[in-house]
Amino acid sequence: NDWYRVYKSRHEEIHVIAGQSDDVAVGARAAACAVSSPEHAAMFAKAKLLGVGGCPGFGRDLVDDGDLNATITLPASTGMAIQLLKRFWTDGASLPLQSFTTVVPYPLTSIEGA
């Protein structure tokens, strides 16, 4: 509850709750509403809720059902890793220090004003 004590002392309004994963975002809102005053619980309940993961059977369903405003879909990196290892083993190509996947927001439209 320390975070809530600090929050109350600053009198700031919360507009967005974001989680490192879709289920963390949903849990963060539930926890915030559970420990806060009724006035603050209403504000937390109205805040935009953003997650990361976007799995078709979970995160996207949370968005479609209205439990999340948006999520970021993280593609699996296994295919890229296999291709890099294949090039290393067959061609002797050096492995990059970093590799990136392309993330995609879901839904594709902006949530501004939603």
Protein backbone atom coordinates (compact mmCIF):
# COMPACT_ATOMS: atom_id res chain seq x y z
CA ASN A 1 0.00 0.00 0.00
CA ASP A 2 3.03 2.31 0.04
CA TRP A 3 2.48 3.24 -3.62
CA TYR A 4 -1.09 4.28 -2.80
CA ARG A 5 0.01 6.44 0.14
CA VAL A 6 2.50 8.21 -2.12
CA TYR A 7 -0.11 8.57 -4.87
CA LYS A 8 -2.68 10.12 -2.48
CA SER A 9 -0.14 12.63 -1.17
CA ARG A 10 0.54 13.90 -4.71
CA HIS A 11 -3.13 14.38 -5.69
CA GLU A 12 -2.47 13.32 -9.27
CA GLU A 13 -5.02 11.85 -11.62
CA ILE A 14 -4.31 8.45 -13.17
CA HIS A 15 -5.26 8.14 -16.85
CA VAL A 16 -3.43 4.94 -17.86
CA ILE A 17 -2.55 1.68 -16.16
CA ALA A 18 0.01 -0.33 -18.12
CA GLY A 19 1.29 -3.79 -17.35
CA GLN A 20 4.32 -5.74 -18.48
CA SER A 21 1.85 -8.40 -19.58
CA ASP A 22 -1.88 -8.48 -20.25
CA ASP A 23 -2.71 -10.31 -17.02
CA VAL A 24 -0.47 -7.99 -14.97
CA ALA A 25 -2.36 -4.97 -16.34
CA VAL A 26 -5.73 -6.48 -15.39
CA GLY A 27 -4.40 -7.47 -11.96
CA ALA A 28 -2.90 -4.02 -11.38
CA ARG A 29 -6.25 -2.36 -11.95
CA ALA A 30 -8.02 -4.86 -9.68
CA ALA A 31 -5.42 -4.30 -6.94
CA ALA A 32 -5.60 -0.51 -7.29
CA CYS A 33 -9.38 -0.56 -7.01
CA ALA A 34 -9.28 -2.94 -4.03
CA VAL A 35 -6.97 -0.83 -1.84
CA SER A 36 -8.16 2.64 -2.78
CA SER A 37 -10.95 4.88 -1.59
CA PRO A 38 -14.25 4.71 -3.50
CA GLU A 39 -13.41 8.00 -5.26
CA HIS A 40 -10.01 6.75 -6.37
CA ALA A 41 -11.37 3.30 -7.25
CA ALA A 42 -13.74 4.96 -9.73
CA MET A 43 -10.80 6.83 -11.28
CA PHE A 44 -8.73 3.63 -11.54
CA ALA A 45 -11.70 1.83 -13.10
CA LYS A 46 -11.96 4.55 -15.79
CA ALA A 47 -8.22 4.60 -16.59
CA LYS A 48 -7.13 3.19 -19.94
CA LEU A 49 -5.74 -0.29 -19.47
CA LEU A 50 -2.77 -1.37 -21.60
CA GLY A 51 -1.04 -4.75 -21.66
CA VAL A 52 1.67 -6.61 -23.51
CA GLY A 53 1.43 -10.09 -25.01
CA GLY A 54 -1.62 -10.02 -27.21
CA CYS A 55 -1.97 -13.78 -27.56
CA PRO A 56 -5.02 -14.63 -29.68
CA GLY A 57 -6.53 -16.84 -26.96
CA PHE A 58 -5.99 -14.39 -24.09
CA GLY A 59 -4.79 -10.80 -24.56
CA ARG A 60 -6.74 -10.12 -27.73
CA ASP A 61 -9.82 -11.66 -26.12
CA LEU A 62 -9.40 -9.26 -23.18
CA VAL A 63 -9.40 -6.35 -25.65
CA ASP A 64 -12.36 -7.74 -27.61
CA ASP A 65 -14.30 -8.25 -24.36
CA GLY A 66 -13.53 -4.71 -23.15
CA ASP A 67 -11.30 -5.76 -20.23
CA LEU A 68 -8.23 -4.12 -21.85
CA ASN A 69 -8.16 -1.03 -24.05
CA ALA A 70 -5.17 -2.27 -26.05
CA THR A 71 -2.30 -4.73 -26.05
CA ILE A 72 0.99 -5.07 -27.84
CA THR A 73 1.40 -8.35 -29.71
CA LEU A 74 4.84 -9.85 -29.29
CA PRO A 75 5.68 -12.32 -32.04
CA ALA A 76 7.56 -15.48 -31.11
CA SER A 77 11.30 -15.15 -31.60
CA THR A 78 11.89 -18.89 -32.12
CA GLY A 79 11.81 -18.72 -35.92
CA MET A 80 14.33 -15.90 -36.03
CA ALA A 81 16.61 -17.74 -33.60
CA ILE A 82 16.50 -20.92 -35.69
CA GLN A 83 17.34 -19.00 -38.88
CA LEU A 84 20.29 -17.27 -37.18
CA LEU A 85 21.61 -20.57 -35.83
CA LYS A 86 21.19 -22.27 -39.22
CA ARG A 87 23.24 -19.53 -40.92
CA PHE A 88 25.87 -19.84 -38.17
CA TRP A 89 26.13 -23.63 -38.46
CA THR A 90 25.94 -23.91 -42.25
CA ASP A 91 27.69 -20.73 -43.43
CA GLY A 92 29.74 -19.77 -40.38
CA ALA A 93 27.94 -16.41 -40.27
CA SER A 94 28.54 -14.59 -37.02
CA LEU A 95 25.58 -14.13 -34.72
CA PRO A 96 24.37 -10.58 -34.16
CA LEU A 97 24.68 -9.14 -30.67
CA GLN A 98 21.03 -8.07 -30.86
CA SER A 99 18.02 -9.16 -32.84
CA PHE A 100 14.63 -7.50 -32.86
CA THR A 101 11.12 -8.63 -33.62
CA THR A 102 8.37 -6.32 -34.81
CA VAL A 103 5.63 -5.65 -32.29
CA VAL A 104 2.10 -4.85 -33.40
CA PRO A 105 -0.54 -2.98 -31.41
CA TYR A 106 -3.97 -4.54 -31.02
CA PRO A 107 -6.30 -3.06 -31.99
CA LEU A 108 -4.50 -1.26 -34.78
CA THR A 109 -6.45 1.95 -34.17
CA SER A 110 -5.54 4.58 -31.61
CA ILE A 111 -7.21 4.38 -28.19
CA GLU A 112 -7.10 8.15 -27.81
CA GLY A 113 -10.54 9.29 -26.79
CA ALA A 114 -11.82 5.72 -26.57
